[in-house]
Amino acid sequence: MTAARPSVHMSSLQRFLAPIRAGLGHAARIGFGLLAIYLLIRTGALKPELLGRAIARHPWLYAVSFLLYVSLLQIMACGRWYWLLRSARVPIRLRTTVRLHMMGLFFSGFLPGGTGGDLVKGYYLMKGRTKAEGAAALGTLVVDRIVGLFGLIGVAAIATLASIPVWRDSPLLGAQSTFILAIALGALVVTLGYLSPWNPLAFLSRTGAGKQKGFLSELAGALTAFRKTPGVFLGTIAISMGVHFCLIVIYTLCARALDVDLPFRLHAYVSPVLTFVNGIPISPAGLGVGEAAGMVLYKAVGATHGQAEIPALVHTLGLLMALICAPAYFFRRRRARRP
C-alpha cells in the first residue's frame, strides 16, 4: 500500500501542474504574437493608423467585408459541420450546432492557431453522450477539419495554376507554388485512397470475439463512416472551397479599403497561404505571424503599400466576430451553474 503512494502523489501533482503549463504556453504564444506586432510597427512594416484611415475613408467596403465574414462565411462553415453531424447520425439540433460553432469561433479568436475552438466544441459536444455517440461526434470535428483543409488546398492550387506568370520567374513564389501543388496532389491521393474500397483504419476497428469496442475503435469507425457516403465528403469539401472563396473576396475588399489595387487572382493566390499561416498554433489567430507573411507575399506579387495592413484588417474582422460570439459561451456557462 505504501509503495503506491508516490505514484498517486505524482498523479495529483501532474493534474495540478497541467493547467499551469497550459496557461504558461498560451501566455507565451500571446506574448509572441504581441512581440511580432510590436516589431512590425517599430520597423514601419505595419502602420496601425492606416487601418483606422481605411475604415474611415471606406466604411462601406469594411461593412460589406464584415457582413460577409459574419453571415455567408459562417453559414457555410456551420452548415458544413451540421451536414457532417446529421450524416454521422449524431442527435443534435441546428440551434445547438450554431451555438457550439459560435463558441468555437470565440475561442479560436483568442487561443493560438485555429484548433483551440475545436477543443471547446468537442468538449461540449461529447458531454453526456454514450461512447459510440461521443466517438461519432468527435469524428465529425476531425472530418470537418480535414475537409476544411482540403478545400483550402483546392482553392490554393486553382489560384496557383491561374497565376503561373506571376510565380514562374520568382524563386520565392516558385518554391511556394511548387509546395502548394505538391500538397494538392497529396490531398488528391489521400481523398482517392479514403474513398477507395480499402479501409486504411480497419486495423483500429478490429475487436476480438466478445470484446467491447474501445473509444479508439469507435472513433476509427466514425472516421471511416463517411466512406459510405462519398457525396457528403466531397460535398463538404466543395462547401469548404466556397468558404475560402468568400475569404478571398474579403481580402480583396480590405485591400480596396486600403487603396491597394491588385487583381482578384493575386488575392486568390496570396490569401489561402495567409489563411494557412494563421492556423499555425504560434499565436492567437495568427496574430503578428499573418501580418509578417502578408508583408512578404503581397510585396512579392507587386503591392506597393498595405502589405501587412491587409491581413491586419482581416484580423480585426475575426476579432470582432470572436467578441460577438462571446455570449454563446458565457450564457451557456451561466445556465450550467443554475441549480
Protein backbone atom coordinates (compact mmCIF):
# COMPACT_ATOMS: atom_id res chain seq x y z
CA MET A 1 0.00 0.00 0.00
CA THR A 2 2.78 2.46 0.92
CA ALA A 3 4.59 1.78 -2.41
CA ALA A 4 1.64 3.11 -4.37
CA ARG A 5 1.55 6.49 -2.60
CA PRO A 6 4.33 8.19 -4.63
CA SER A 7 2.58 7.45 -7.93
CA VAL A 8 -0.72 8.75 -6.55
CA HIS A 9 1.08 11.85 -5.31
CA MET A 10 2.76 12.36 -8.71
CA SER A 11 -0.56 11.91 -10.48
CA SER A 12 -2.14 14.60 -8.29
CA LEU A 13 0.84 16.86 -8.87
CA GLN A 14 0.60 16.36 -12.63
CA ARG A 15 -3.11 17.21 -12.58
CA PHE A 16 -2.29 20.34 -10.59
CA LEU A 17 0.54 21.40 -12.91
CA ALA A 18 -1.27 20.62 -16.20
CA PRO A 19 -3.43 23.78 -16.28
CA ILE A 20 -0.45 25.86 -15.16
CA ARG A 21 1.67 24.54 -18.03
CA ALA A 22 -1.21 25.12 -20.47
CA GLY A 23 -1.68 28.66 -19.18
CA LEU A 24 2.03 29.42 -19.49
CA GLY A 25 2.02 28.02 -23.03
CA HIS A 26 -0.92 30.24 -24.02
CA ALA A 27 0.71 33.26 -22.38
CA ALA A 28 3.95 32.59 -24.27
CA ARG A 29 2.11 32.37 -27.60
CA ILE A 30 0.12 35.53 -26.89
CA GLY A 31 3.38 37.25 -25.96
CA PHE A 32 4.95 36.05 -29.20
CA GLY A 33 2.07 37.47 -31.23
CA LEU A 34 2.23 40.82 -29.44
CA LEU A 35 6.00 40.93 -29.86
CA ALA A 36 5.65 40.26 -33.60
CA ILE A 37 3.11 43.08 -33.89
CA TYR A 38 5.38 45.41 -31.91
CA LEU A 39 8.38 44.66 -34.14
CA LEU A 40 6.32 45.18 -37.30
CA ILE A 41 5.12 48.55 -36.02
CA ARG A 42 8.57 49.52 -34.77
CA THR A 43 10.18 48.80 -38.13
CA GLY A 44 7.43 50.61 -40.02
CA ALA A 45 6.21 47.48 -41.80
CA LEU A 46 2.81 47.80 -40.12
CA LYS A 47 1.13 51.18 -39.73
CA PRO A 48 -1.92 50.98 -37.43
CA GLU A 49 -3.06 54.46 -38.49
CA LEU A 50 -3.69 53.11 -41.99
CA LEU A 51 -6.27 50.69 -40.59
CA GLY A 52 -8.31 53.45 -38.97
CA ARG A 53 -7.95 55.60 -42.08
CA ALA A 54 -9.17 52.76 -44.30
CA ILE A 55 -12.27 52.22 -42.17
CA ALA A 56 -12.98 55.97 -42.02
CA ARG A 57 -12.49 56.56 -45.77
CA HIS A 58 -14.22 53.40 -46.99
CA PRO A 59 -16.76 52.40 -44.31
CA TRP A 60 -18.98 50.57 -46.81
CA LEU A 61 -16.15 48.34 -48.00
CA TYR A 62 -15.34 47.42 -44.40
CA ALA A 63 -19.04 46.95 -43.60
CA VAL A 64 -19.55 44.60 -46.56
CA SER A 65 -16.42 42.66 -45.55
CA PHE A 66 -17.78 42.35 -42.02
CA LEU A 67 -21.20 41.22 -43.22
CA LEU A 68 -19.61 38.58 -45.45
CA TYR A 69 -17.46 37.40 -42.54
CA VAL A 70 -20.33 37.08 -40.05
CA SER A 71 -23.02 35.83 -42.43
CA LEU A 72 -22.18 33.96 -45.63
CA LEU A 73 -18.83 32.61 -44.46
CA GLN A 74 -20.18 31.40 -41.10
CA ILE A 75 -23.39 30.00 -42.61
CA MET A 76 -21.33 27.85 -44.97
CA ALA A 77 -18.89 26.78 -42.24
CA CYS A 78 -21.61 25.93 -39.71
CA GLY A 79 -23.78 24.29 -42.38
CA ARG A 80 -20.84 22.12 -43.42
CA TRP A 81 -20.39 20.81 -39.86
CA TYR A 82 -24.15 20.30 -39.35
CA TRP A 83 -24.27 18.24 -42.55
CA LEU A 84 -21.48 16.04 -41.21
CA LEU A 85 -23.25 15.67 -37.84
CA ARG A 86 -26.52 14.66 -39.48
CA SER A 87 -24.74 12.25 -41.82
CA ALA A 88 -22.99 10.65 -38.82
CA ARG A 89 -26.41 10.30 -37.12
CA VAL A 90 -25.37 12.42 -34.15
CA PRO A 91 -28.56 13.59 -32.41
CA ILE A 92 -28.25 17.38 -32.25
CA ARG A 93 -30.42 20.38 -33.03
CA LEU A 94 -29.44 23.03 -35.52
CA ARG A 95 -29.54 25.77 -32.89
CA THR A 96 -27.21 23.73 -30.68
CA THR A 97 -24.83 23.33 -33.61
CA VAL A 98 -24.92 27.09 -34.21
CA ARG A 99 -24.24 27.78 -30.53
CA LEU A 100 -21.29 25.38 -30.43
CA HIS A 101 -19.95 26.85 -33.67
CA MET A 102 -20.10 30.33 -32.14
CA MET A 103 -18.33 29.11 -29.01
CA GLY A 104 -15.61 27.67 -31.20
CA LEU A 105 -15.23 30.99 -33.04
CA PHE A 106 -14.91 32.82 -29.72
CA PHE A 107 -12.07 30.61 -28.51
CA SER A 108 -10.42 30.43 -31.94
CA GLY A 109 -10.12 34.22 -31.82
CA PHE A 110 -8.08 34.16 -28.63
CA LEU A 111 -6.37 30.77 -28.47
CA PRO A 112 -3.27 30.01 -30.55
CA GLY A 113 -3.99 28.63 -34.02
CA GLY A 114 -7.40 27.72 -35.38
CA THR A 115 -7.87 24.47 -33.44
CA GLY A 116 -8.48 25.91 -29.96
CA GLY A 117 -12.15 26.37 -30.73
CA ASP A 118 -12.42 22.74 -31.86
CA LEU A 119 -11.29 21.58 -28.41
CA VAL A 120 -14.03 23.58 -26.73
CA LYS A 121 -16.66 22.44 -29.25
CA GLY A 122 -15.54 18.85 -28.79
CA TYR A 123 -15.81 19.06 -25.00
CA TYR A 124 -19.39 20.34 -25.01
CA LEU A 125 -20.41 18.21 -27.97
CA MET A 126 -19.33 14.97 -26.26
CA LYS A 127 -20.72 15.92 -22.86
CA GLY A 128 -23.42 13.50 -21.71
CA ARG A 129 -23.15 11.21 -24.74
CA THR A 130 -22.50 7.50 -24.87
CA LYS A 131 -19.12 6.22 -26.02
CA ALA A 132 -20.41 5.49 -29.53
CA GLU A 133 -22.18 8.86 -29.83
CA GLY A 134 -19.13 10.69 -28.47
CA ALA A 135 -16.84 8.96 -30.96
CA ALA A 136 -19.18 9.81 -33.84
CA ALA A 137 -19.41 13.44 -32.67
CA LEU A 138 -15.64 13.74 -32.33
CA GLY A 139 -15.23 12.12 -35.74
CA THR A 140 -17.27 14.92 -37.33
CA LEU A 141 -14.90 17.51 -35.86
CA VAL A 142 -11.89 15.66 -37.28
CA VAL A 143 -13.52 15.26 -40.71
CA ASP A 144 -14.69 18.90 -40.63
CA ARG A 145 -11.09 20.00 -40.06
CA ILE A 146 -9.87 17.69 -42.86
CA VAL A 147 -12.41 18.86 -45.45
CA GLY A 148 -11.71 22.46 -44.45
CA LEU A 149 -8.01 21.92 -45.10
CA PHE A 150 -8.67 20.09 -48.37
CA GLY A 151 -10.95 22.91 -49.51
CA LEU A 152 -8.22 25.43 -48.71
CA ILE A 153 -5.65 23.36 -50.62
CA GLY A 154 -8.02 23.06 -53.59
CA VAL A 155 -8.58 26.81 -53.81
CA ALA A 156 -4.85 27.48 -53.38
CA ALA A 157 -3.99 25.00 -56.15
CA ILE A 158 -6.50 26.52 -58.59
CA ALA A 159 -5.24 30.03 -57.85
CA THR A 160 -1.63 28.86 -58.25
CA LEU A 161 -2.31 27.33 -61.65
CA ALA A 162 -4.11 30.52 -62.71
CA SER A 163 -1.12 32.65 -61.66
CA ILE A 164 1.77 30.84 -63.35
CA PRO A 165 3.16 34.04 -64.98
CA VAL A 166 3.35 35.65 -61.51
CA TRP A 167 5.48 33.00 -59.80
CA ARG A 168 7.31 31.44 -62.75
CA ASP A 169 10.30 33.82 -62.52
CA SER A 170 10.29 34.32 -58.73
CA PRO A 171 12.38 31.86 -56.65
CA LEU A 172 10.34 32.60 -53.50
CA LEU A 173 6.91 32.34 -55.12
CA GLY A 174 8.08 29.43 -57.30
CA ALA A 175 9.07 27.42 -54.21
CA GLN A 176 5.76 28.28 -52.54
CA SER A 177 3.76 27.32 -55.63
CA THR A 178 5.61 24.03 -56.06
CA PHE A 179 4.88 23.18 -52.43
CA ILE A 180 1.19 24.05 -52.84
CA LEU A 181 0.82 21.90 -55.96
CA ALA A 182 2.64 19.00 -54.27
CA ILE A 183 0.36 19.25 -51.24
CA ALA A 184 -2.68 19.39 -53.55
CA LEU A 185 -1.52 16.24 -55.31
CA GLY A 186 -1.06 14.55 -51.94
CA ALA A 187 -4.54 15.62 -50.82
CA LEU A 188 -6.00 14.19 -54.04
CA VAL A 189 -4.23 10.87 -53.44
CA VAL A 190 -5.46 10.78 -49.84
CA THR A 191 -9.03 11.54 -50.94
CA LEU A 192 -8.99 8.81 -53.57
CA GLY A 193 -7.49 6.38 -51.05
CA TYR A 194 -10.09 7.30 -48.44
CA LEU A 195 -12.95 6.73 -50.86
CA SER A 196 -11.44 3.52 -52.25
CA PRO A 197 -12.67 0.04 -51.19
CA TRP A 198 -9.58 -0.38 -48.99
CA ASN A 199 -10.14 0.86 -45.42
CA PRO A 200 -6.94 2.49 -44.06
CA LEU A 201 -8.24 2.45 -40.46
CA ALA A 202 -9.55 -1.11 -40.47
CA PHE A 203 -6.89 -2.34 -38.03
CA LEU A 204 -8.15 0.12 -35.39
CA SER A 205 -11.71 -1.12 -35.72
CA ARG A 206 -10.92 -4.79 -35.12
CA THR A 207 -12.02 -6.30 -31.84
CA GLY A 208 -11.85 -9.83 -30.62
CA ALA A 209 -14.88 -12.06 -30.22
CA GLY A 210 -16.98 -10.94 -27.28
CA LYS A 211 -14.82 -7.88 -26.64
CA GLN A 212 -16.41 -4.48 -26.28
CA LYS A 213 -15.23 -1.78 -28.65
CA GLY A 214 -12.94 0.86 -27.13
CA PHE A 215 -13.22 4.57 -27.82
CA LEU A 216 -10.36 4.49 -30.34
CA SER A 217 -12.11 1.73 -32.24
CA GLU A 218 -15.38 3.66 -32.16
CA LEU A 219 -13.59 6.78 -33.40
CA ALA A 220 -11.97 4.86 -36.27
CA GLY A 221 -15.39 3.58 -37.26
CA ALA A 222 -16.79 7.11 -37.15
CA LEU A 223 -13.97 8.44 -39.34
CA THR A 224 -14.47 5.73 -41.94
CA ALA A 225 -18.26 6.03 -41.94
CA PHE A 226 -18.16 8.84 -44.50
CA ARG A 227 -16.57 6.46 -46.99
CA LYS A 228 -20.05 5.03 -47.46
CA THR A 229 -21.38 8.49 -48.37
CA PRO A 230 -18.77 9.96 -50.74
CA GLY A 231 -21.23 12.64 -51.79
CA VAL A 232 -21.18 14.05 -48.25
CA PHE A 233 -17.37 14.01 -48.07
CA LEU A 234 -16.92 15.62 -51.48
CA GLY A 235 -19.84 17.99 -50.93
CA THR A 236 -18.36 19.33 -47.70
CA ILE A 237 -15.04 19.87 -49.49
CA ALA A 238 -16.94 21.90 -52.09
CA ILE A 239 -18.54 23.96 -49.29
CA SER A 240 -15.07 24.48 -47.82
CA MET A 241 -13.87 25.82 -51.14
CA GLY A 242 -16.83 28.23 -51.04
CA VAL A 243 -15.77 29.35 -47.56
CA HIS A 244 -12.24 30.11 -48.74
CA PHE A 245 -13.51 31.83 -51.91
CA CYS A 246 -15.54 34.08 -49.61
CA LEU A 247 -12.34 34.80 -47.66
CA ILE A 248 -10.61 35.82 -50.89
CA VAL A 249 -13.42 38.31 -51.54
CA ILE A 250 -12.96 39.66 -48.00
CA TYR A 251 -9.20 40.09 -48.54
CA THR A 252 -9.93 41.88 -51.83
CA LEU A 253 -12.40 44.27 -50.18
CA CYS A 254 -9.99 45.01 -47.33
CA ALA A 255 -7.25 45.72 -49.87
CA ARG A 256 -9.55 48.12 -51.73
CA ALA A 257 -10.31 49.86 -48.42
CA LEU A 258 -6.56 50.39 -48.05
CA ASP A 259 -6.40 51.67 -51.65
CA VAL A 260 -4.34 48.67 -52.73
CA ASP A 261 -5.19 47.94 -56.37
CA LEU A 262 -4.37 44.31 -57.19
CA PRO A 263 -6.20 41.87 -59.49
CA PHE A 264 -8.57 39.43 -57.80
CA ARG A 265 -6.48 36.45 -58.94
CA LEU A 266 -3.48 37.75 -56.96
CA HIS A 267 -5.55 37.92 -53.79
CA ALA A 268 -6.71 34.38 -54.59
CA TYR A 269 -3.05 33.39 -54.86
CA VAL A 270 -1.94 35.05 -51.59
CA SER A 271 -4.88 34.78 -49.17
CA PRO A 272 -5.09 30.94 -48.94
CA VAL A 273 -1.45 30.89 -47.85
CA LEU A 274 -2.17 33.56 -45.25
CA THR A 275 -5.16 31.54 -44.02
CA PHE A 276 -2.90 28.52 -43.59
CA VAL A 277 -0.28 30.60 -41.76
CA ASN A 278 -2.95 32.00 -39.41
CA GLY A 279 -3.91 28.44 -38.49
CA ILE A 280 -0.43 27.53 -37.25
CA PRO A 281 -0.59 27.40 -33.40
CA ILE A 282 2.08 30.02 -32.81
CA SER A 283 -0.05 32.98 -31.75
CA PRO A 284 -3.78 33.67 -31.24
CA ALA A 285 -5.47 33.51 -34.66
CA GLY A 286 -2.08 34.03 -36.30
CA LEU A 287 -1.68 37.48 -34.76
CA GLY A 288 1.56 39.03 -35.97
CA VAL A 289 2.51 35.95 -37.99
CA GLY A 290 -0.15 36.61 -40.63
CA GLU A 291 0.88 40.24 -40.92
CA ALA A 292 4.54 39.26 -41.37
CA ALA A 293 3.60 36.71 -44.05
CA GLY A 294 1.37 39.27 -45.75
CA MET A 295 4.24 41.75 -45.83
CA VAL A 296 6.41 39.24 -47.70
CA LEU A 297 3.81 37.76 -50.06
CA TYR A 298 1.92 40.91 -51.03
CA LYS A 299 5.20 42.66 -51.72
CA ALA A 300 6.30 39.71 -53.86
CA VAL A 301 3.17 39.93 -56.04
CA GLY A 302 3.56 43.66 -56.63
CA ALA A 303 1.71 45.52 -53.85
CA THR A 304 3.49 48.83 -53.23
CA HIS A 305 1.87 49.51 -49.85
CA GLY A 306 -0.52 47.95 -47.33
CA GLN A 307 1.22 44.57 -47.47
CA ALA A 308 0.95 43.92 -43.73
CA GLU A 309 -2.17 46.04 -43.25
CA ILE A 310 -4.38 43.86 -45.46
CA PRO A 311 -4.16 40.76 -43.21
CA ALA A 312 -4.29 43.06 -40.17
CA LEU A 313 -7.61 44.49 -41.36
CA VAL A 314 -8.93 40.96 -41.91
CA HIS A 315 -7.75 40.12 -38.37
CA THR A 316 -9.93 42.92 -37.00
CA LEU A 317 -12.94 41.20 -38.59
CA GLY A 318 -12.01 37.94 -36.88
CA LEU A 319 -11.61 39.70 -33.54
CA LEU A 320 -15.00 41.39 -33.88
CA MET A 321 -16.55 38.03 -34.79
CA ALA A 322 -14.99 36.43 -31.71
CA LEU A 323 -16.37 39.18 -29.46
CA ILE A 324 -19.84 38.82 -30.99
CA CYS A 325 -19.74 35.09 -30.26
CA ALA A 326 -18.65 35.53 -26.62
CA PRO A 327 -22.24 35.41 -25.20
CA ALA A 328 -22.76 31.95 -26.70
CA TYR A 329 -20.13 30.62 -24.26
CA PHE A 330 -20.81 32.73 -21.16
CA PHE A 331 -24.60 32.29 -21.30
CA ARG A 332 -24.12 28.54 -21.54
CA ARG A 333 -21.81 28.61 -18.52
CA ARG A 334 -24.35 30.65 -16.56
CA ARG A 335 -27.17 28.19 -17.35
CA ALA A 336 -24.95 25.27 -16.35
CA ARG A 337 -24.33 26.83 -12.92
CA ARG A 338 -28.02 27.23 -12.11
CA PRO A 339 -29.34 24.65 -9.60
